[in-house]
Amino acid sequence: MRIRKGIVVLLLLFIFAGCGFLNEPEEKEVVARVNDSYLYREDVAKLISENTSPDDSTLLVNNFINRWATQKLLLDRARVNLSSEQQAEFDRLVQNYKNELYAKAYTDAIVARELDTNISRAAAEAYYEEHGENFLLNENLVKLRYINITKNNNDFENIKTLFRRFNDEDKQALLDMAIHFNSYSLNDSVWVKTKQVYDKIRPLNPQDFPDFLKNKNFLQLEDSLGVYLISVEDVKLRNEQAPLEYSLPGIKQILLNRRKLELIKKLEKDITQDAIKNDNFEIYK
């Protein structure tokens, strides 16, 4: 009788084990192996989205498996052929890189939270006055306005008069009729690169119009599409000191980078002092 009870208990144990009642870990499904390294189905499942077709899914998975296998084979071969000193050096470099990534991620988070990104115009102007000689132009700049209109515009002479005189009333009048222009720009207080001007005003080029780069210069040019009225208000030539307004974005970025470095240095100093104060860092003599 006891023997029968023992057999029954063993059978029940096998049944429970087969149904997972013993909580044994479920084995992962292997899709590829390279020596002692295994790639599991769950590793490749994330590659496939709901919108991926079966053919594309097969291609993605196969390419991933082949790349994984190639990397593993190269790594195994490297471990066999590289000296222990080389491997130790590579491990050190990897660890250093990992440490730098963690440290940079932390400092970037602190900088994003605490850095004051507002650079006042006064601070930018002061930096420009002190370091203006460092802001030399590598290309020509101009301040200009222009209008491109069709050749048969009945109001051409009036438009030309308004454009050349260009007081406040004239500017507003031109803006009111701008819908009839092919293209235009009446903001002559902004510095622009001459390359942008040549790209916008096709008849204008440095070979045919060498006198274009002159202050208070008016030109009237034509092409097959229409007439261009151009008024050059100011010019800055290559190798001259860049204007303040043109340099402001770069100056603000310089000051912002300087402020960022100062914040990182302060963070590094504070974290070291806190560690010393809390007995988390000490140097043994």
C-alpha atoms as a PDB file:
ATOM      1  CA  MET A   1       0.000   0.000   0.000  1.00  0.00           C
ATOM      2  CA  ARG A   2       2.819   2.370   0.893  1.00  0.00           C
ATOM      3  CA  ILE A   3       4.521   1.527  -2.391  1.00  0.00           C
ATOM      4  CA  ARG A   4       1.377   2.506  -4.317  1.00  0.00           C
ATOM      5  CA  LYS A   5       1.160   5.795  -2.396  1.00  0.00           C
ATOM      6  CA  GLY A   6       4.795   6.526  -3.237  1.00  0.00           C
ATOM      7  CA  ILE A   7       4.186   5.894  -6.909  1.00  0.00           C
ATOM      8  CA  VAL A   8       1.148   8.196  -6.867  1.00  0.00           C
ATOM      9  CA  VAL A   9       3.179  10.986  -5.211  1.00  0.00           C
ATOM     10  CA  LEU A  10       5.917  10.668  -7.817  1.00  0.00           C
ATOM     11  CA  LEU A  11       3.374  10.800 -10.648  1.00  0.00           C
ATOM     12  CA  LEU A  12       1.804  13.916  -9.161  1.00  0.00           C
ATOM     13  CA  LEU A  13       5.217  15.566  -8.888  1.00  0.00           C
ATOM     14  CA  PHE A  14       5.922  14.862 -12.554  1.00  0.00           C
ATOM     15  CA  ILE A  15       2.496  16.224 -13.544  1.00  0.00           C
ATOM     16  CA  PHE A  16       2.936  19.393 -11.488  1.00  0.00           C
ATOM     17  CA  ALA A  17       6.431  19.908 -12.897  1.00  0.00           C
ATOM     18  CA  GLY A  18       5.134  19.537 -16.445  1.00  0.00           C
ATOM     19  CA  CYS A  19       2.409  22.108 -15.778  1.00  0.00           C
ATOM     20  CA  GLY A  20       4.845  24.592 -14.278  1.00  0.00           C
ATOM     21  CA  PHE A  21       3.669  24.264 -10.679  1.00  0.00           C
ATOM     22  CA  LEU A  22       7.231  23.955  -9.428  1.00  0.00           C
ATOM     23  CA  ASN A  23       7.978  27.473 -10.808  1.00  0.00           C
ATOM     24  CA  GLU A  24      11.053  26.391 -12.723  1.00  0.00           C
ATOM     25  CA  PRO A  25      12.297  29.156 -15.021  1.00  0.00           C
ATOM     26  CA  GLU A  26      11.074  28.857 -18.589  1.00  0.00           C
ATOM     27  CA  GLU A  27      13.890  28.379 -21.074  1.00  0.00           C
ATOM     28  CA  LYS A  28      14.320  31.165 -23.645  1.00  0.00           C
ATOM     29  CA  GLU A  29      13.918  30.282 -27.312  1.00  0.00           C
ATOM     30  CA  VAL A  30      17.274  30.402 -29.050  1.00  0.00           C
ATOM     31  CA  VAL A  31      17.445  31.681 -32.629  1.00  0.00           C
ATOM     32  CA  ALA A  32      21.223  31.628 -33.156  1.00  0.00           C
ATOM     33  CA  ARG A  33      24.460  30.581 -31.473  1.00  0.00           C
ATOM     34  CA  VAL A  34      28.092  31.545 -31.875  1.00  0.00           C
ATOM     35  CA  ASN A  35      30.333  29.377 -29.711  1.00  0.00           C
ATOM     36  CA  ASP A  36      29.110  30.037 -26.142  1.00  0.00           C
ATOM     37  CA  SER A  37      27.033  33.105 -27.031  1.00  0.00           C
ATOM     38  CA  TYR A  38      23.313  32.805 -27.711  1.00  0.00           C
ATOM     39  CA  LEU A  39      20.824  35.100 -29.417  1.00  0.00           C
ATOM     40  CA  TYR A  40      17.240  34.717 -28.222  1.00  0.00           C
ATOM     41  CA  ARG A  41      13.944  35.374 -29.934  1.00  0.00           C
ATOM     42  CA  GLU A  42      13.130  38.161 -27.480  1.00  0.00           C
ATOM     43  CA  ASP A  43      16.281  39.977 -28.641  1.00  0.00           C
ATOM     44  CA  VAL A  44      15.048  40.169 -32.225  1.00  0.00           C
ATOM     45  CA  ALA A  45      11.342  40.589 -31.494  1.00  0.00           C
ATOM     46  CA  LYS A  46      11.828  44.305 -30.800  1.00  0.00           C
ATOM     47  CA  LEU A  47      13.014  44.814 -34.391  1.00  0.00           C
ATOM     48  CA  ILE A  48       9.595  44.077 -35.829  1.00  0.00           C
ATOM     49  CA  SER A  49       6.728  46.555 -35.678  1.00  0.00           C
ATOM     50  CA  GLU A  50       3.077  45.877 -36.354  1.00  0.00           C
ATOM     51  CA  ASN A  51       3.308  47.582 -39.748  1.00  0.00           C
ATOM     52  CA  THR A  52       6.266  45.528 -40.969  1.00  0.00           C
ATOM     53  CA  SER A  53       5.401  43.066 -43.711  1.00  0.00           C
ATOM     54  CA  PRO A  54       6.381  39.374 -43.351  1.00  0.00           C
ATOM     55  CA  ASP A  55       9.019  39.669 -46.092  1.00  0.00           C
ATOM     56  CA  ASP A  56      10.542  42.792 -44.540  1.00  0.00           C
ATOM     57  CA  SER A  57      10.445  41.152 -41.103  1.00  0.00           C
ATOM     58  CA  THR A  58      12.370  38.147 -42.391  1.00  0.00           C
ATOM     59  CA  LEU A  59      14.947  40.399 -44.060  1.00  0.00           C
ATOM     60  CA  LEU A  60      15.412  42.544 -40.934  1.00  0.00           C
ATOM     61  CA  VAL A  61      15.805  39.556 -38.648  1.00  0.00           C
ATOM     62  CA  ASN A  62      18.222  37.742 -40.948  1.00  0.00           C
ATOM     63  CA  ASN A  63      20.378  40.844 -41.377  1.00  0.00           C
ATOM     64  CA  PHE A  64      20.426  41.420 -37.622  1.00  0.00           C
ATOM     65  CA  ILE A  65      21.384  37.800 -36.916  1.00  0.00           C
ATOM     66  CA  ASN A  66      24.186  37.887 -39.483  1.00  0.00           C
ATOM     67  CA  ARG A  67      25.584  41.160 -38.059  1.00  0.00           C
ATOM     68  CA  TRP A  68      25.351  39.777 -34.527  1.00  0.00           C
ATOM     69  CA  ALA A  69      27.137  36.572 -35.547  1.00  0.00           C
ATOM     70  CA  THR A  70      29.879  38.459 -37.390  1.00  0.00           C
ATOM     71  CA  GLN A  71      30.553  40.697 -34.388  1.00  0.00           C
ATOM     72  CA  LYS A  72      30.643  37.732 -32.015  1.00  0.00           C
ATOM     73  CA  LEU A  73      33.007  35.787 -34.283  1.00  0.00           C
ATOM     74  CA  LEU A  74      35.333  38.764 -34.635  1.00  0.00           C
ATOM     75  CA  LEU A  75      35.270  39.319 -30.877  1.00  0.00           C
ATOM     76  CA  ASP A  76      36.041  35.678 -30.128  1.00  0.00           C
ATOM     77  CA  ARG A  77      38.847  35.677 -32.682  1.00  0.00           C
ATOM     78  CA  ALA A  78      40.243  38.894 -31.192  1.00  0.00           C
ATOM     79  CA  ARG A  79      40.255  37.409 -27.702  1.00  0.00           C
ATOM     80  CA  VAL A  80      42.291  34.479 -28.996  1.00  0.00           C
ATOM     81  CA  ASN A  81      44.780  36.511 -31.002  1.00  0.00           C
ATOM     82  CA  LEU A  82      45.231  39.692 -28.987  1.00  0.00           C
ATOM     83  CA  SER A  83      47.671  39.699 -26.113  1.00  0.00           C
ATOM     84  CA  SER A  84      46.430  39.943 -22.559  1.00  0.00           C
ATOM     85  CA  GLU A  85      48.059  43.372 -22.329  1.00  0.00           C
ATOM     86  CA  GLN A  86      46.122  44.617 -25.350  1.00  0.00           C
ATOM     87  CA  GLN A  87      42.869  43.220 -24.017  1.00  0.00           C
ATOM     88  CA  ALA A  88      43.493  44.835 -20.633  1.00  0.00           C
ATOM     89  CA  GLU A  89      44.162  48.176 -22.338  1.00  0.00           C
ATOM     90  CA  PHE A  90      40.954  47.915 -24.376  1.00  0.00           C
ATOM     91  CA  ASP A  91      38.968  47.025 -21.264  1.00  0.00           C
ATOM     92  CA  ARG A  92      40.422  50.079 -19.544  1.00  0.00           C
ATOM     93  CA  LEU A  93      39.485  52.316 -22.477  1.00  0.00           C
ATOM     94  CA  VAL A  94      35.951  50.918 -22.519  1.00  0.00           C
ATOM     95  CA  GLN A  95      35.563  51.510 -18.797  1.00  0.00           C
ATOM     96  CA  ASN A  96      36.900  55.066 -19.118  1.00  0.00           C
ATOM     97  CA  TYR A  97      34.489  55.778 -21.948  1.00  0.00           C
ATOM     98  CA  LYS A  98      31.600  54.386 -19.903  1.00  0.00           C
ATOM     99  CA  ASN A  99      32.591  56.573 -16.946  1.00  0.00           C
ATOM    100  CA  GLU A 100      32.778  59.648 -19.191  1.00  0.00           C
ATOM    101  CA  LEU A 101      29.339  58.910 -20.661  1.00  0.00           C
ATOM    102  CA  TYR A 102      27.760  58.649 -17.213  1.00  0.00           C
ATOM    103  CA  ALA A 103      29.521  61.781 -15.946  1.00  0.00           C
ATOM    104  CA  LYS A 104      28.605  63.786 -19.059  1.00  0.00           C
ATOM    105  CA  ALA A 105      24.957  62.694 -18.886  1.00  0.00           C
ATOM    106  CA  TYR A 106      24.795  63.862 -15.271  1.00  0.00           C
ATOM    107  CA  THR A 107      26.532  67.201 -15.872  1.00  0.00           C
ATOM    108  CA  ASP A 108      24.381  67.840 -18.962  1.00  0.00           C
ATOM    109  CA  ALA A 109      21.251  67.282 -16.881  1.00  0.00           C
ATOM    110  CA  ILE A 110      22.486  69.721 -14.215  1.00  0.00           C
ATOM    111  CA  VAL A 111      23.470  72.304 -16.838  1.00  0.00           C
ATOM    112  CA  ALA A 112      20.086  72.015 -18.580  1.00  0.00           C
ATOM    113  CA  ARG A 113      18.359  72.616 -15.252  1.00  0.00           C
ATOM    114  CA  GLU A 114      20.505  75.385 -13.791  1.00  0.00           C
ATOM    115  CA  LEU A 115      22.196  77.232 -16.659  1.00  0.00           C
ATOM    116  CA  ASP A 116      20.963  80.783 -17.201  1.00  0.00           C
ATOM    117  CA  THR A 117      20.758  81.068 -20.988  1.00  0.00           C
ATOM    118  CA  ASN A 118      19.842  84.759 -21.026  1.00  0.00           C
ATOM    119  CA  ILE A 119      22.789  86.770 -22.352  1.00  0.00           C
ATOM    120  CA  SER A 120      22.155  90.500 -22.090  1.00  0.00           C
ATOM    121  CA  ARG A 121      22.950  92.803 -24.972  1.00  0.00           C
ATOM    122  CA  ALA A 122      25.165  94.850 -22.659  1.00  0.00           C
ATOM    123  CA  ALA A 123      27.318  91.784 -21.915  1.00  0.00           C
ATOM    124  CA  ALA A 124      27.552  90.962 -25.616  1.00  0.00           C
ATOM    125  CA  GLU A 125      28.501  94.536 -26.507  1.00  0.00           C
ATOM    126  CA  ALA A 126      31.172  94.607 -23.804  1.00  0.00           C
ATOM    127  CA  TYR A 127      32.696  91.396 -25.173  1.00  0.00           C
ATOM    128  CA  TYR A 128      32.597  92.821 -28.704  1.00  0.00           C
ATOM    129  CA  GLU A 129      34.366  95.999 -27.613  1.00  0.00           C
ATOM    130  CA  GLU A 130      37.098  93.975 -25.892  1.00  0.00           C
ATOM    131  CA  HIS A 131      37.571  91.313 -28.567  1.00  0.00           C
ATOM    132  CA  GLY A 132      36.332  93.036 -31.736  1.00  0.00           C
ATOM    133  CA  GLU A 133      39.574  92.313 -33.593  1.00  0.00           C
ATOM    134  CA  ASN A 134      38.710  88.599 -33.447  1.00  0.00           C
ATOM    135  CA  PHE A 135      35.521  89.131 -35.446  1.00  0.00           C
ATOM    136  CA  LEU A 136      36.806  89.525 -38.982  1.00  0.00           C
ATOM    137  CA  LEU A 137      34.605  88.838 -41.974  1.00  0.00           C
ATOM    138  CA  ASN A 138      35.439  85.976 -44.313  1.00  0.00           C
ATOM    139  CA  GLU A 139      32.936  87.237 -46.908  1.00  0.00           C
ATOM    140  CA  ASN A 140      31.301  90.482 -48.005  1.00  0.00           C
ATOM    141  CA  LEU A 141      28.152  91.809 -46.330  1.00  0.00           C
ATOM    142  CA  VAL A 142      25.591  94.347 -47.492  1.00  0.00           C
ATOM    143  CA  LYS A 143      22.517  96.152 -46.287  1.00  0.00           C
ATOM    144  CA  LEU A 144      20.127  96.598 -49.177  1.00  0.00           C
ATOM    145  CA  ARG A 145      16.562  96.638 -50.348  1.00  0.00           C
ATOM    146  CA  TYR A 146      15.211  95.520 -53.687  1.00  0.00           C
ATOM    147  CA  ILE A 147      12.021  95.090 -55.705  1.00  0.00           C
ATOM    148  CA  ASN A 148      11.428  92.827 -58.681  1.00  0.00           C
ATOM    149  CA  ILE A 149       8.482  93.870 -60.852  1.00  0.00           C
ATOM    150  CA  THR A 150       7.267  93.044 -64.353  1.00  0.00           C
ATOM    151  CA  LYS A 151       8.502  95.211 -67.198  1.00  0.00           C
ATOM    152  CA  ASN A 152       5.047  96.317 -68.248  1.00  0.00           C
ATOM    153  CA  ASN A 153       3.941  97.544 -64.822  1.00  0.00           C
ATOM    154  CA  ASN A 154       1.919 100.707 -65.432  1.00  0.00           C
ATOM    155  CA  ASP A 155       2.982 102.216 -62.105  1.00  0.00           C
ATOM    156  CA  PHE A 156       6.701 101.628 -62.662  1.00  0.00           C
ATOM    157  CA  GLU A 157       7.899 105.241 -62.477  1.00  0.00           C
ATOM    158  CA  ASN A 158       5.919 105.893 -59.277  1.00  0.00           C
ATOM    159  CA  ILE A 159       7.277 102.699 -57.709  1.00  0.00           C
ATOM    160  CA  LYS A 160      10.811 103.698 -58.656  1.00  0.00           C
ATOM    161  CA  THR A 161      10.364 107.154 -57.109  1.00  0.00           C
ATOM    162  CA  LEU A 162       8.996 105.707 -53.865  1.00  0.00           C
ATOM    163  CA  PHE A 163      11.774 103.131 -53.778  1.00  0.00           C
ATOM    164  CA  ARG A 164      14.603 105.618 -54.214  1.00  0.00           C
ATOM    165  CA  ARG A 165      13.240 108.300 -51.864  1.00  0.00           C
ATOM    166  CA  PHE A 166      12.097 105.696 -49.307  1.00  0.00           C
ATOM    167  CA  ASN A 167      10.802 107.686 -46.360  1.00  0.00           C
ATOM    168  CA  ASP A 168       8.337 106.093 -43.932  1.00  0.00           C
ATOM    169  CA  GLU A 169       5.323 106.969 -46.098  1.00  0.00           C
ATOM    170  CA  ASP A 170       7.051 105.635 -49.196  1.00  0.00           C
ATOM    171  CA  LYS A 171       7.900 102.355 -47.489  1.00  0.00           C
ATOM    172  CA  GLN A 172       4.309 101.864 -46.365  1.00  0.00           C
ATOM    173  CA  ALA A 173       3.032 102.671 -49.850  1.00  0.00           C
ATOM    174  CA  LEU A 174       5.355 100.067 -51.341  1.00  0.00           C
ATOM    175  CA  LEU A 175       4.229  97.485 -48.782  1.00  0.00           C
ATOM    176  CA  ASP A 176       0.614  98.204 -49.674  1.00  0.00           C
ATOM    177  CA  MET A 177       1.258  97.413 -53.330  1.00  0.00           C
ATOM    178  CA  ALA A 178       3.689  94.529 -52.676  1.00  0.00           C
ATOM    179  CA  ILE A 179       1.134  91.985 -53.892  1.00  0.00           C
ATOM    180  CA  HIS A 180       1.951  93.185 -57.419  1.00  0.00           C
ATOM    181  CA  PHE A 181       5.720  92.567 -57.044  1.00  0.00           C
ATOM    182  CA  ASN A 182       7.386  89.366 -58.232  1.00  0.00           C
ATOM    183  CA  SER A 183       9.577  89.479 -55.124  1.00  0.00           C
ATOM    184  CA  TYR A 184      10.926  92.116 -52.781  1.00  0.00           C
ATOM    185  CA  SER A 185      12.783  92.904 -49.560  1.00  0.00           C
ATOM    186  CA  LEU A 186      12.485  96.329 -47.993  1.00  0.00           C
ATOM    187  CA  ASN A 187      14.330  95.594 -44.753  1.00  0.00           C
ATOM    188  CA  ASP A 188      17.615  97.392 -45.425  1.00  0.00           C
ATOM    189  CA  SER A 189      18.703  97.469 -41.782  1.00  0.00           C
ATOM    190  CA  VAL A 190      19.869  93.826 -41.720  1.00  0.00           C
ATOM    191  CA  TRP A 191      23.273  92.596 -42.863  1.00  0.00           C
ATOM    192  CA  VAL A 192      23.136  89.817 -45.456  1.00  0.00           C
ATOM    193  CA  LYS A 193      25.825  87.840 -47.254  1.00  0.00           C
ATOM    194  CA  THR A 194      26.427  88.880 -50.847  1.00  0.00           C
ATOM    195  CA  LYS A 195      26.095  85.252 -51.927  1.00  0.00           C
ATOM    196  CA  GLN A 196      22.493  85.336 -50.766  1.00  0.00           C
ATOM    197  CA  VAL A 197      21.964  88.495 -52.775  1.00  0.00           C
ATOM    198  CA  TYR A 198      23.429  86.973 -55.946  1.00  0.00           C
ATOM    199  CA  ASP A 199      21.238  83.887 -55.487  1.00  0.00           C
ATOM    200  CA  LYS A 200      18.121  86.027 -55.101  1.00  0.00           C
ATOM    201  CA  ILE A 201      18.819  88.640 -57.770  1.00  0.00           C
ATOM    202  CA  ARG A 202      19.841  86.608 -60.803  1.00  0.00           C
ATOM    203  CA  PRO A 203      20.974  89.436 -63.128  1.00  0.00           C
ATOM    204  CA  LEU A 204      23.399  90.631 -60.464  1.00  0.00           C
ATOM    205  CA  ASN A 205      26.843  89.007 -60.372  1.00  0.00           C
ATOM    206  CA  PRO A 206      30.265  90.157 -59.174  1.00  0.00           C
ATOM    207  CA  GLN A 207      31.859  89.858 -62.631  1.00  0.00           C
ATOM    208  CA  ASP A 208      29.459  92.133 -64.482  1.00  0.00           C
ATOM    209  CA  PHE A 209      28.801  94.555 -61.632  1.00  0.00           C
ATOM    210  CA  PRO A 210      32.070  95.086 -59.681  1.00  0.00           C
ATOM    211  CA  ASP A 211      30.792  98.454 -58.413  1.00  0.00           C
ATOM    212  CA  PHE A 212      27.817  96.833 -56.699  1.00  0.00           C
ATOM    213  CA  LEU A 213      29.613  96.853 -53.339  1.00  0.00           C
ATOM    214  CA  LYS A 214      29.438 100.585 -52.732  1.00  0.00           C
ATOM    215  CA  ASN A 215      27.526 102.509 -50.083  1.00  0.00           C
ATOM    216  CA  LYS A 216      24.421 104.397 -51.201  1.00  0.00           C
ATOM    217  CA  ASN A 217      24.462 102.673 -54.566  1.00  0.00           C
ATOM    218  CA  PHE A 218      21.386 102.342 -56.816  1.00  0.00           C
ATOM    219  CA  LEU A 219      21.079  99.821 -59.633  1.00  0.00           C
ATOM    220  CA  GLN A 220      18.342  99.006 -62.129  1.00  0.00           C
ATOM    221  CA  LEU A 221      18.736  95.620 -63.816  1.00  0.00           C
ATOM    222  CA  GLU A 222      16.591  93.582 -66.161  1.00  0.00           C
ATOM    223  CA  ASP A 223      16.195  89.972 -67.144  1.00  0.00           C
ATOM    224  CA  SER A 224      13.565  88.032 -69.078  1.00  0.00           C
ATOM    225  CA  LEU A 225      11.234  88.001 -66.053  1.00  0.00           C
ATOM    226  CA  GLY A 226      11.244  91.624 -65.044  1.00  0.00           C
ATOM    227  CA  VAL A 227      13.046  94.662 -63.670  1.00  0.00           C
ATOM    228  CA  TYR A 228      15.073  94.780 -60.435  1.00  0.00           C
ATOM    229  CA  LEU A 229      15.386  97.976 -58.422  1.00  0.00           C
ATOM    230  CA  ILE A 230      18.298  97.683 -55.980  1.00  0.00           C
ATOM    231  CA  SER A 231      19.477 100.145 -53.351  1.00  0.00           C
ATOM    232  CA  VAL A 232      22.669  99.317 -51.404  1.00  0.00           C
ATOM    233  CA  GLU A 233      22.715 101.202 -48.102  1.00  0.00           C
ATOM    234  CA  ASP A 234      25.933  99.919 -46.518  1.00  0.00           C
ATOM    235  CA  VAL A 235      28.793  97.530 -47.256  1.00  0.00           C
ATOM    236  CA  LYS A 236      31.308  95.591 -45.183  1.00  0.00           C
ATOM    237  CA  LEU A 237      34.098  93.880 -47.081  1.00  0.00           C
ATOM    238  CA  ARG A 238      35.950  90.679 -46.385  1.00  0.00           C
ATOM    239  CA  ASN A 239      38.667  90.937 -43.686  1.00  0.00           C
ATOM    240  CA  GLU A 240      37.033  94.021 -42.177  1.00  0.00           C
ATOM    241  CA  GLN A 241      35.726  93.869 -38.623  1.00  0.00           C
ATOM    242  CA  ALA A 242      32.266  92.329 -38.584  1.00  0.00           C
ATOM    243  CA  PRO A 243      29.416  94.610 -37.501  1.00  0.00           C
ATOM    244  CA  LEU A 244      28.118  94.192 -33.974  1.00  0.00           C
ATOM    245  CA  GLU A 245      24.609  93.182 -35.057  1.00  0.00           C
ATOM    246  CA  TYR A 246      25.998  90.494 -37.350  1.00  0.00           C
ATOM    247  CA  SER A 247      28.314  89.202 -34.618  1.00  0.00           C
ATOM    248  CA  LEU A 248      25.754  89.107 -31.789  1.00  0.00           C
ATOM    249  CA  PRO A 249      24.601  85.465 -32.255  1.00  0.00           C
ATOM    250  CA  GLY A 250      28.183  84.194 -32.233  1.00  0.00           C
ATOM    251  CA  ILE A 251      29.124  86.350 -29.235  1.00  0.00           C
ATOM    252  CA  LYS A 252      26.124  85.143 -27.250  1.00  0.00           C
ATOM    253  CA  GLN A 253      27.094  81.535 -27.984  1.00  0.00           C
ATOM    254  CA  ILE A 254      30.665  82.199 -26.797  1.00  0.00           C
ATOM    255  CA  LEU A 255      29.421  83.740 -23.552  1.00  0.00           C
ATOM    256  CA  LEU A 256      26.936  80.916 -23.078  1.00  0.00           C
ATOM    257  CA  ASN A 257      29.671  78.286 -23.522  1.00  0.00           C
ATOM    258  CA  ARG A 258      31.870  80.163 -21.043  1.00  0.00           C
ATOM    259  CA  ARG A 259      29.014  80.257 -18.531  1.00  0.00           C
ATOM    260  CA  LYS A 260      28.423  76.546 -19.069  1.00  0.00           C
ATOM    261  CA  LEU A 261      32.081  75.692 -18.390  1.00  0.00           C
ATOM    262  CA  GLU A 262      32.045  77.786 -15.218  1.00  0.00           C
ATOM    263  CA  LEU A 263      28.934  75.946 -14.018  1.00  0.00           C
ATOM    264  CA  ILE A 264      30.529  72.546 -14.685  1.00  0.00           C
ATOM    265  CA  LYS A 265      33.694  73.566 -12.817  1.00  0.00           C
ATOM    266  CA  LYS A 266      31.594  74.714  -9.869  1.00  0.00           C
ATOM    267  CA  LEU A 267      29.659  71.446  -9.917  1.00  0.00           C
ATOM    268  CA  GLU A 268      32.870  69.398  -9.910  1.00  0.00           C
ATOM    269  CA  LYS A 269      34.297  71.500  -7.073  1.00  0.00           C
ATOM    270  CA  ASP A 270      31.112  71.304  -4.980  1.00  0.00           C
ATOM    271  CA  ILE A 271      30.685  67.551  -5.418  1.00  0.00           C
ATOM    272  CA  THR A 272      34.301  66.965  -4.360  1.00  0.00           C
ATOM    273  CA  GLN A 273      34.017  69.209  -1.310  1.00  0.00           C
ATOM    274  CA  ASP A 274      30.750  67.526  -0.283  1.00  0.00           C
ATOM    275  CA  ALA A 275      32.391  64.106  -0.552  1.00  0.00           C
ATOM    276  CA  ILE A 276      35.282  65.240   1.659  1.00  0.00           C
ATOM    277  CA  LYS A 277      32.905  66.810   4.166  1.00  0.00           C
ATOM    278  CA  ASN A 278      30.799  63.635   4.376  1.00  0.00           C
ATOM    279  CA  ASP A 279      33.882  61.417   4.622  1.00  0.00           C
ATOM    280  CA  ASN A 280      33.165  59.817   1.245  1.00  0.00           C
ATOM    281  CA  PHE A 281      36.494  60.869  -0.254  1.00  0.00           C
ATOM    282  CA  GLU A 282      39.958  60.936   1.221  1.00  0.00           C
ATOM    283  CA  ILE A 283      43.524  60.725  -0.018  1.00  0.00           C
ATOM    284  CA  TYR A 284      45.842  58.422   1.877  1.00  0.00           C
ATOM    285  CA  LYS A 285      49.306  59.780   2.530  1.00  0.00           C
END
